[in-house]
Amino acid sequence: VSTYEVTILDSKYAALAGVLHETTVLPSAGARLAFK
């Protein structure tokens, strides 16, 4: 149970870091970015 909880928390932070990267990083060739 404790290992499962740590994995769930790590996944949430990894997903948040990915979204933050897509919305703030400067465009470069090959980059995947969030736009409107």
PDB file of all heavy atoms in Angstrom:
ATOM      1  N   VAL A   1       0.841  -1.212   0.000  1.00  0.00           N
ATOM      2  CA  VAL A   1       0.000   0.000   0.000  1.00  0.00           C
ATOM      3  C   VAL A   1       0.867   1.250   0.000  1.00  0.00           C
ATOM      4  O   VAL A   1       0.605   2.194  -0.748  1.00  0.00           O
ATOM      5  CB  VAL A   1      -0.970  -0.015   1.198  1.00  0.00           C
ATOM      6  CG1 VAL A   1      -1.660   1.323   1.380  1.00  0.00           C
ATOM      7  CG2 VAL A   1      -2.008  -1.118   1.011  1.00  0.00           C
ATOM      8  N   SER A   2       1.906   1.287   0.797  1.00  0.00           N
ATOM      9  CA  SER A   2       2.756   2.483   0.826  1.00  0.00           C
ATOM     10  C   SER A   2       3.501   2.663  -0.499  1.00  0.00           C
ATOM     11  O   SER A   2       3.647   3.780  -0.986  1.00  0.00           O
ATOM     12  CB  SER A   2       3.743   2.425   1.991  1.00  0.00           C
ATOM     13  OG  SER A   2       4.646   1.353   1.819  1.00  0.00           O
ATOM     14  N   THR A   3       3.941   1.585  -1.124  1.00  0.00           N
ATOM     15  CA  THR A   3       4.597   1.678  -2.436  1.00  0.00           C
ATOM     16  C   THR A   3       3.601   2.161  -3.489  1.00  0.00           C
ATOM     17  O   THR A   3       3.933   2.994  -4.323  1.00  0.00           O
ATOM     18  CB  THR A   3       5.161   0.304  -2.857  1.00  0.00           C
ATOM     19  OG1 THR A   3       6.064  -0.143  -1.858  1.00  0.00           O
ATOM     20  CG2 THR A   3       5.869   0.390  -4.202  1.00  0.00           C
ATOM     21  N   TYR A   4       2.367   1.676  -3.430  1.00  0.00           N
ATOM     22  CA  TYR A   4       1.331   2.096  -4.363  1.00  0.00           C
ATOM     23  C   TYR A   4       1.054   3.589  -4.217  1.00  0.00           C
ATOM     24  O   TYR A   4       0.959   4.306  -5.201  1.00  0.00           O
ATOM     25  CB  TYR A   4       0.060   1.273  -4.121  1.00  0.00           C
ATOM     26  CG  TYR A   4      -1.093   1.697  -4.996  1.00  0.00           C
ATOM     27  CD1 TYR A   4      -1.134   1.314  -6.333  1.00  0.00           C
ATOM     28  CD2 TYR A   4      -2.123   2.474  -4.496  1.00  0.00           C
ATOM     29  CE1 TYR A   4      -2.178   1.694  -7.145  1.00  0.00           C
ATOM     30  CE2 TYR A   4      -3.170   2.856  -5.303  1.00  0.00           C
ATOM     31  CZ  TYR A   4      -3.199   2.475  -6.629  1.00  0.00           C
ATOM     32  OH  TYR A   4      -4.235   2.853  -7.437  1.00  0.00           O
ATOM     33  N   GLU A   5       0.939   4.074  -2.993  1.00  0.00           N
ATOM     34  CA  GLU A   5       0.682   5.496  -2.751  1.00  0.00           C
ATOM     35  C   GLU A   5       1.828   6.357  -3.269  1.00  0.00           C
ATOM     36  O   GLU A   5       1.602   7.402  -3.864  1.00  0.00           O
ATOM     37  CB  GLU A   5       0.462   5.759  -1.255  1.00  0.00           C
ATOM     38  CG  GLU A   5      -0.837   5.226  -0.724  1.00  0.00           C
ATOM     39  CD  GLU A   5      -2.054   5.903  -1.346  1.00  0.00           C
ATOM     40  OE1 GLU A   5      -2.005   7.113  -1.602  1.00  0.00           O
ATOM     41  OE2 GLU A   5      -3.041   5.193  -1.585  1.00  0.00           O
ATOM     42  N   VAL A   6       3.052   5.941  -3.073  1.00  0.00           N
ATOM     43  CA  VAL A   6       4.201   6.702  -3.563  1.00  0.00           C
ATOM     44  C   VAL A   6       4.180   6.749  -5.088  1.00  0.00           C
ATOM     45  O   VAL A   6       4.419   7.789  -5.701  1.00  0.00           O
ATOM     46  CB  VAL A   6       5.516   6.082  -3.043  1.00  0.00           C
ATOM     47  CG1 VAL A   6       6.713   6.665  -3.762  1.00  0.00           C
ATOM     48  CG2 VAL A   6       5.638   6.297  -1.543  1.00  0.00           C
ATOM     49  N   THR A   7       3.850   5.634  -5.741  1.00  0.00           N
ATOM     50  CA  THR A   7       3.781   5.595  -7.200  1.00  0.00           C
ATOM     51  C   THR A   7       2.701   6.535  -7.708  1.00  0.00           C
ATOM     52  O   THR A   7       2.910   7.269  -8.673  1.00  0.00           O
ATOM     53  CB  THR A   7       3.496   4.160  -7.683  1.00  0.00           C
ATOM     54  OG1 THR A   7       4.500   3.299  -7.155  1.00  0.00           O
ATOM     55  CG2 THR A   7       3.482   4.088  -9.193  1.00  0.00           C
ATOM     56  N   ILE A   8       1.545   6.546  -7.070  1.00  0.00           N
ATOM     57  CA  ILE A   8       0.451   7.426  -7.482  1.00  0.00           C
ATOM     58  C   ILE A   8       0.877   8.880  -7.342  1.00  0.00           C
ATOM     59  O   ILE A   8       0.663   9.691  -8.239  1.00  0.00           O
ATOM     60  CB  ILE A   8      -0.825   7.144  -6.654  1.00  0.00           C
ATOM     61  CG1 ILE A   8      -1.352   5.756  -6.958  1.00  0.00           C
ATOM     62  CG2 ILE A   8      -1.886   8.187  -6.925  1.00  0.00           C
ATOM     63  CD1 ILE A   8      -1.767   5.553  -8.410  1.00  0.00           C
ATOM     64  N   LEU A   9       1.496   9.251  -6.226  1.00  0.00           N
ATOM     65  CA  LEU A   9       1.935  10.634  -6.030  1.00  0.00           C
ATOM     66  C   LEU A   9       2.992  11.014  -7.063  1.00  0.00           C
ATOM     67  O   LEU A   9       2.955  12.104  -7.623  1.00  0.00           O
ATOM     68  CB  LEU A   9       2.477  10.825  -4.614  1.00  0.00           C
ATOM     69  CG  LEU A   9       1.432  10.785  -3.497  1.00  0.00           C
ATOM     70  CD1 LEU A   9       2.117  10.890  -2.142  1.00  0.00           C
ATOM     71  CD2 LEU A   9       0.419  11.896  -3.661  1.00  0.00           C
ATOM     72  N   ASP A  10       3.949  10.116  -7.339  1.00  0.00           N
ATOM     73  CA  ASP A  10       4.972  10.401  -8.336  1.00  0.00           C
ATOM     74  C   ASP A  10       4.357  10.610  -9.713  1.00  0.00           C
ATOM     75  O   ASP A  10       4.769  11.471 -10.462  1.00  0.00           O
ATOM     76  CB  ASP A  10       6.001   9.262  -8.396  1.00  0.00           C
ATOM     77  CG  ASP A  10       6.922   9.263  -7.188  1.00  0.00           C
ATOM     78  OD1 ASP A  10       6.930  10.262  -6.451  1.00  0.00           O
ATOM     79  OD2 ASP A  10       7.625   8.254  -6.996  1.00  0.00           O
ATOM     80  N   SER A  11       3.339   9.809 -10.074  1.00  0.00           N
ATOM     81  CA  SER A  11       2.704   9.963 -11.378  1.00  0.00           C
ATOM     82  C   SER A  11       2.014  11.306 -11.493  1.00  0.00           C
ATOM     83  O   SER A  11       2.048  11.933 -12.538  1.00  0.00           O
ATOM     84  CB  SER A  11       1.660   8.905 -11.643  1.00  0.00           C
ATOM     85  OG  SER A  11       1.922   7.718 -11.052  1.00  0.00           O
ATOM     86  N   LYS A  12       1.370  11.745 -10.400  1.00  0.00           N
ATOM     87  CA  LYS A  12       0.692  13.044 -10.444  1.00  0.00           C
ATOM     88  C   LYS A  12       1.701  14.158 -10.656  1.00  0.00           C
ATOM     89  O   LYS A  12       1.477  15.062 -11.457  1.00  0.00           O
ATOM     90  CB  LYS A  12      -0.084  13.276  -9.147  1.00  0.00           C
ATOM     91  CG  LYS A  12      -1.318  12.429  -9.022  1.00  0.00           C
ATOM     92  CD  LYS A  12      -2.017  12.699  -7.713  1.00  0.00           C
ATOM     93  CE  LYS A  12      -3.196  11.777  -7.518  1.00  0.00           C
ATOM     94  NZ  LYS A  12      -3.839  11.959  -6.230  1.00  0.00           N
ATOM     95  N   TYR A  13       2.831  14.100  -9.975  1.00  0.00           N
ATOM     96  CA  TYR A  13       3.835  15.145 -10.124  1.00  0.00           C
ATOM     97  C   TYR A  13       4.501  15.090 -11.492  1.00  0.00           C
ATOM     98  O   TYR A  13       4.811  16.119 -12.075  1.00  0.00           O
ATOM     99  CB  TYR A  13       4.875  15.068  -9.007  1.00  0.00           C
ATOM    100  CG  TYR A  13       4.308  15.460  -7.666  1.00  0.00           C
ATOM    101  CD1 TYR A  13       4.349  14.594  -6.590  1.00  0.00           C
ATOM    102  CD2 TYR A  13       3.713  16.700  -7.488  1.00  0.00           C
ATOM    103  CE1 TYR A  13       3.822  14.949  -5.362  1.00  0.00           C
ATOM    104  CE2 TYR A  13       3.168  17.058  -6.266  1.00  0.00           C
ATOM    105  CZ  TYR A  13       3.226  16.188  -5.215  1.00  0.00           C
ATOM    106  OH  TYR A  13       2.695  16.543  -4.009  1.00  0.00           O
ATOM    107  N   ALA A  14       4.697  13.892 -12.031  1.00  0.00           N
ATOM    108  CA  ALA A  14       5.282  13.765 -13.365  1.00  0.00           C
ATOM    109  C   ALA A  14       4.338  14.328 -14.420  1.00  0.00           C
ATOM    110  O   ALA A  14       4.760  15.023 -15.345  1.00  0.00           O
ATOM    111  CB  ALA A  14       5.601  12.312 -13.668  1.00  0.00           C
ATOM    112  N   ALA A  15       3.050  14.057 -14.290  1.00  0.00           N
ATOM    113  CA  ALA A  15       2.070  14.593 -15.237  1.00  0.00           C
ATOM    114  C   ALA A  15       2.010  16.112 -15.134  1.00  0.00           C
ATOM    115  O   ALA A  15       1.962  16.815 -16.144  1.00  0.00           O
ATOM    116  CB  ALA A  15       0.702  13.993 -14.974  1.00  0.00           C
ATOM    117  N   LEU A  16       2.052  16.635 -13.926  1.00  0.00           N
ATOM    118  CA  LEU A  16       2.033  18.085 -13.722  1.00  0.00           C
ATOM    119  C   LEU A  16       3.278  18.719 -14.324  1.00  0.00           C
ATOM    120  O   LEU A  16       3.199  19.760 -14.983  1.00  0.00           O
ATOM    121  CB  LEU A  16       1.939  18.410 -12.230  1.00  0.00           C
ATOM    122  CG  LEU A  16       1.911  19.892 -11.865  1.00  0.00           C
ATOM    123  CD1 LEU A  16       0.696  20.566 -12.482  1.00  0.00           C
ATOM    124  CD2 LEU A  16       1.923  20.072 -10.364  1.00  0.00           C
ATOM    125  N   ALA A  17       4.430  18.088 -14.159  1.00  0.00           N
ATOM    126  CA  ALA A  17       5.667  18.612 -14.734  1.00  0.00           C
ATOM    127  C   ALA A  17       5.608  18.599 -16.258  1.00  0.00           C
ATOM    128  O   ALA A  17       6.065  19.531 -16.915  1.00  0.00           O
ATOM    129  CB  ALA A  17       6.860  17.794 -14.247  1.00  0.00           C
ATOM    130  N   GLY A  18       5.004  17.565 -16.850  1.00  0.00           N
ATOM    131  CA  GLY A  18       4.859  17.500 -18.307  1.00  0.00           C
ATOM    132  C   GLY A  18       3.964  18.601 -18.829  1.00  0.00           C
ATOM    133  O   GLY A  18       4.273  19.243 -19.839  1.00  0.00           O
ATOM    134  N   VAL A  19       2.848  18.850 -18.169  1.00  0.00           N
ATOM    135  CA  VAL A  19       1.926  19.921 -18.585  1.00  0.00           C
ATOM    136  C   VAL A  19       2.599  21.273 -18.430  1.00  0.00           C
ATOM    137  O   VAL A  19       2.506  22.131 -19.306  1.00  0.00           O
ATOM    138  CB  VAL A  19       0.619  19.854 -17.762  1.00  0.00           C
ATOM    139  CG1 VAL A  19      -0.228  21.090 -17.969  1.00  0.00           C
ATOM    140  CG2 VAL A  19      -0.152  18.603 -18.125  1.00  0.00           C
ATOM    141  N   LEU A  20       3.302  21.477 -17.335  1.00  0.00           N
ATOM    142  CA  LEU A  20       4.004  22.738 -17.114  1.00  0.00           C
ATOM    143  C   LEU A  20       5.061  22.958 -18.191  1.00  0.00           C
ATOM    144  O   LEU A  20       5.213  24.072 -18.704  1.00  0.00           O
ATOM    145  CB  LEU A  20       4.650  22.740 -15.724  1.00  0.00           C
ATOM    146  CG  LEU A  20       5.327  24.027 -15.298  1.00  0.00           C
ATOM    147  CD1 LEU A  20       4.310  25.166 -15.253  1.00  0.00           C
ATOM    148  CD2 LEU A  20       5.979  23.858 -13.946  1.00  0.00           C
ATOM    149  N   HIS A  21       5.766  21.905 -18.589  1.00  0.00           N
ATOM    150  CA  HIS A  21       6.790  22.012 -19.632  1.00  0.00           C
ATOM    151  C   HIS A  21       6.156  22.402 -20.963  1.00  0.00           C
ATOM    152  O   HIS A  21       6.662  23.264 -21.666  1.00  0.00           O
ATOM    153  CB  HIS A  21       7.528  20.682 -19.761  1.00  0.00           C
ATOM    154  CG  HIS A  21       8.625  20.712 -20.758  1.00  0.00           C
ATOM    155  ND1 HIS A  21       8.432  20.324 -22.059  1.00  0.00           N
ATOM    156  CD2 HIS A  21       9.920  21.107 -20.668  1.00  0.00           C
ATOM    157  CE1 HIS A  21       9.558  20.467 -22.727  1.00  0.00           C
ATOM    158  NE2 HIS A  21      10.474  20.939 -21.902  1.00  0.00           N
ATOM    159  N   GLU A  22       5.016  21.779 -21.322  1.00  0.00           N
ATOM    160  CA  GLU A  22       4.350  22.073 -22.593  1.00  0.00           C
ATOM    161  C   GLU A  22       3.836  23.500 -22.666  1.00  0.00           C
ATOM    162  O   GLU A  22       3.726  24.056 -23.742  1.00  0.00           O
ATOM    163  CB  GLU A  22       3.169  21.127 -22.813  1.00  0.00           C
ATOM    164  CG  GLU A  22       3.545  19.760 -23.274  1.00  0.00           C
ATOM    165  CD  GLU A  22       2.332  18.911 -23.591  1.00  0.00           C
ATOM    166  OE1 GLU A  22       1.197  19.282 -23.228  1.00  0.00           O
ATOM    167  OE2 GLU A  22       2.516  17.858 -24.211  1.00  0.00           O
ATOM    168  N   THR A  23       3.501  24.100 -21.533  1.00  0.00           N
ATOM    169  CA  THR A  23       2.899  25.430 -21.552  1.00  0.00           C
ATOM    170  C   THR A  23       3.892  26.555 -21.320  1.00  0.00           C
ATOM    171  O   THR A  23       3.524  27.716 -21.457  1.00  0.00           O
ATOM    172  CB  THR A  23       1.778  25.523 -20.494  1.00  0.00           C
ATOM    173  OG1 THR A  23       2.326  25.230 -19.215  1.00  0.00           O
ATOM    174  CG2 THR A  23       0.644  24.576 -20.814  1.00  0.00           C
ATOM    175  N   THR A  24       5.142  26.246 -20.975  1.00  0.00           N
ATOM    176  CA  THR A  24       6.086  27.324 -20.672  1.00  0.00           C
ATOM    177  C   THR A  24       7.365  27.309 -21.497  1.00  0.00           C
ATOM    178  O   THR A  24       8.009  28.335 -21.634  1.00  0.00           O
ATOM    179  CB  THR A  24       6.491  27.292 -19.181  1.00  0.00           C
ATOM    180  OG1 THR A  24       7.081  26.033 -18.897  1.00  0.00           O
ATOM    181  CG2 THR A  24       5.302  27.544 -18.281  1.00  0.00           C
ATOM    182  N   VAL A  25       7.749  26.177 -22.050  1.00  0.00           N
ATOM    183  CA  VAL A  25       9.023  26.079 -22.752  1.00  0.00           C
ATOM    184  C   VAL A  25       8.951  26.817 -24.089  1.00  0.00           C
ATOM    185  O   VAL A  25       7.896  26.883 -24.725  1.00  0.00           O
ATOM    186  CB  VAL A  25       9.420  24.597 -22.951  1.00  0.00           C
ATOM    187  CG1 VAL A  25       8.532  23.918 -23.972  1.00  0.00           C
ATOM    188  CG2 VAL A  25      10.866  24.468 -23.350  1.00  0.00           C
ATOM    189  N   LEU A  26      10.072  27.400 -24.509  1.00  0.00           N
ATOM    190  CA  LEU A  26      10.139  28.048 -25.810  1.00  0.00           C
ATOM    191  C   LEU A  26      10.131  26.989 -26.908  1.00  0.00           C
ATOM    192  O   LEU A  26      10.732  25.936 -26.749  1.00  0.00           O
ATOM    193  CB  LEU A  26      11.416  28.881 -25.938  1.00  0.00           C
ATOM    194  CG  LEU A  26      11.376  30.268 -25.320  1.00  0.00           C
ATOM    195  CD1 LEU A  26      12.734  30.948 -25.466  1.00  0.00           C
ATOM    196  CD2 LEU A  26      10.299  31.125 -25.946  1.00  0.00           C
ATOM    197  N   PRO A  27       9.465  27.271 -28.017  1.00  0.00           N
ATOM    198  CA  PRO A  27       9.434  26.299 -29.112  1.00  0.00           C
ATOM    199  C   PRO A  27      10.826  26.017 -29.671  1.00  0.00           C
ATOM    200  O   PRO A  27      11.663  26.909 -29.776  1.00  0.00           O
ATOM    201  CB  PRO A  27       8.568  26.982 -30.171  1.00  0.00           C
ATOM    202  CG  PRO A  27       7.746  27.957 -29.419  1.00  0.00           C
ATOM    203  CD  PRO A  27       8.611  28.412 -28.287  1.00  0.00           C
ATOM    204  N   SER A  28      11.060  24.779 -30.021  1.00  0.00           N
ATOM    205  CA  SER A  28      12.272  24.359 -30.710  1.00  0.00           C
ATOM    206  C   SER A  28      11.872  23.199 -31.611  1.00  0.00           C
ATOM    207  O   SER A  28      10.808  22.609 -31.441  1.00  0.00           O
ATOM    208  CB  SER A  28      13.349  23.932 -29.715  1.00  0.00           C
ATOM    209  OG  SER A  28      12.911  22.818 -28.974  1.00  0.00           O
ATOM    210  N   ALA A  29      12.703  22.877 -32.570  1.00  0.00           N
ATOM    211  CA  ALA A  29      12.389  21.791 -33.497  1.00  0.00           C
ATOM    212  C   ALA A  29      12.186  20.494 -32.729  1.00  0.00           C
ATOM    213  O   ALA A  29      13.012  20.114 -31.908  1.00  0.00           O
ATOM    214  CB  ALA A  29      13.499  21.644 -34.522  1.00  0.00           C
ATOM    215  N   GLY A  30      11.073  19.834 -32.961  1.00  0.00           N
ATOM    216  CA  GLY A  30      10.764  18.575 -32.292  1.00  0.00           C
ATOM    217  C   GLY A  30       9.976  18.727 -31.006  1.00  0.00           C
ATOM    218  O   GLY A  30       9.526  17.736 -30.450  1.00  0.00           O
ATOM    219  N   ALA A  31       9.784  19.956 -30.527  1.00  0.00           N
ATOM    220  CA  ALA A  31       9.078  20.165 -29.267  1.00  0.00           C
ATOM    221  C   ALA A  31       7.580  19.948 -29.444  1.00  0.00           C
ATOM    222  O   ALA A  31       7.007  20.283 -30.469  1.00  0.00           O
ATOM    223  CB  ALA A  31       9.334  21.576 -28.748  1.00  0.00           C
ATOM    224  N   ARG A  32       6.957  19.378 -28.427  1.00  0.00           N
ATOM    225  CA  ARG A  32       5.498  19.212 -28.403  1.00  0.00           C
ATOM    226  C   ARG A  32       4.982  20.226 -27.397  1.00  0.00           C
ATOM    227  O   ARG A  32       5.387  20.211 -26.230  1.00  0.00           O
ATOM    228  CB  ARG A  32       5.145  17.793 -27.991  1.00  0.00           C
ATOM    229  CG  ARG A  32       3.675  17.524 -28.048  1.00  0.00           C
ATOM    230  CD  ARG A  32       3.425  16.054 -28.352  1.00  0.00           C
ATOM    231  NE  ARG A  32       2.038  15.700 -28.187  1.00  0.00           N
ATOM    232  CZ  ARG A  32       1.133  15.860 -29.139  1.00  0.00           C
ATOM    233  NH1 ARG A  32       1.479  16.387 -30.285  1.00  0.00           N
ATOM    234  NH2 ARG A  32      -0.112  15.513 -28.941  1.00  0.00           N
ATOM    235  N   LEU A  33       4.081  21.107 -27.850  1.00  0.00           N
ATOM    236  CA  LEU A  33       3.665  22.242 -27.043  1.00  0.00           C
ATOM    237  C   LEU A  33       2.148  22.369 -26.983  1.00  0.00           C
ATOM    238  O   LEU A  33       1.448  21.961 -27.911  1.00  0.00           O
ATOM    239  CB  LEU A  33       4.249  23.532 -27.633  1.00  0.00           C
ATOM    240  CG  LEU A  33       5.755  23.555 -27.825  1.00  0.00           C
ATOM    241  CD1 LEU A  33       6.150  24.736 -28.676  1.00  0.00           C
ATOM    242  CD2 LEU A  33       6.444  23.598 -26.486  1.00  0.00           C
ATOM    243  N   ALA A  34       1.678  22.978 -25.911  1.00  0.00           N
ATOM    244  CA  ALA A  34       0.255  23.276 -25.757  1.00  0.00           C
ATOM    245  C   ALA A  34       0.004  24.694 -26.252  1.00  0.00           C
ATOM    246  O   ALA A  34       0.706  25.627 -25.875  1.00  0.00           O
ATOM    247  CB  ALA A  34      -0.143  23.141 -24.290  1.00  0.00           C
ATOM    248  N   PHE A  35      -0.991  24.853 -27.114  1.00  0.00           N
ATOM    249  CA  PHE A  35      -1.399  26.141 -27.659  1.00  0.00           C
ATOM    250  C   PHE A  35      -2.918  26.215 -27.633  1.00  0.00           C
ATOM    251  O   PHE A  35      -3.595  25.220 -27.389  1.00  0.00           O
ATOM    252  CB  PHE A  35      -0.939  26.279 -29.117  1.00  0.00           C
ATOM    253  CG  PHE A  35       0.423  26.908 -29.302  1.00  0.00           C
ATOM    254  CD1 PHE A  35       1.567  26.263 -28.864  1.00  0.00           C
ATOM    255  CD2 PHE A  35       0.556  28.130 -29.918  1.00  0.00           C
ATOM    256  CE1 PHE A  35       2.813  26.815 -29.045  1.00  0.00           C
ATOM    257  CE2 PHE A  35       1.794  28.702 -30.113  1.00  0.00           C
ATOM    258  CZ  PHE A  35       2.925  28.051 -29.676  1.00  0.00           C
ATOM    259  N   LYS A  36      -3.448  27.379 -27.914  1.00  0.00           N
ATOM    260  CA  LYS A  36      -4.871  27.573 -28.191  1.00  0.00           C
ATOM    261  C   LYS A  36      -4.979  27.849 -29.676  1.00  0.00           C
ATOM    262  O   LYS A  36      -4.080  28.432 -30.277  1.00  0.00           O
ATOM    263  CB  LYS A  36      -5.434  28.772 -27.418  1.00  0.00           C
ATOM    264  CG  LYS A  36      -5.429  28.602 -25.922  1.00  0.00           C
ATOM    265  CD  LYS A  36      -6.575  27.759 -25.491  1.00  0.00           C
ATOM    266  CE  LYS A  36      -6.615  27.710 -23.963  1.00  0.00           C
ATOM    267  NZ  LYS A  36      -7.621  26.807 -23.491  1.00  0.00           N
TER     268      LYS A  36
END
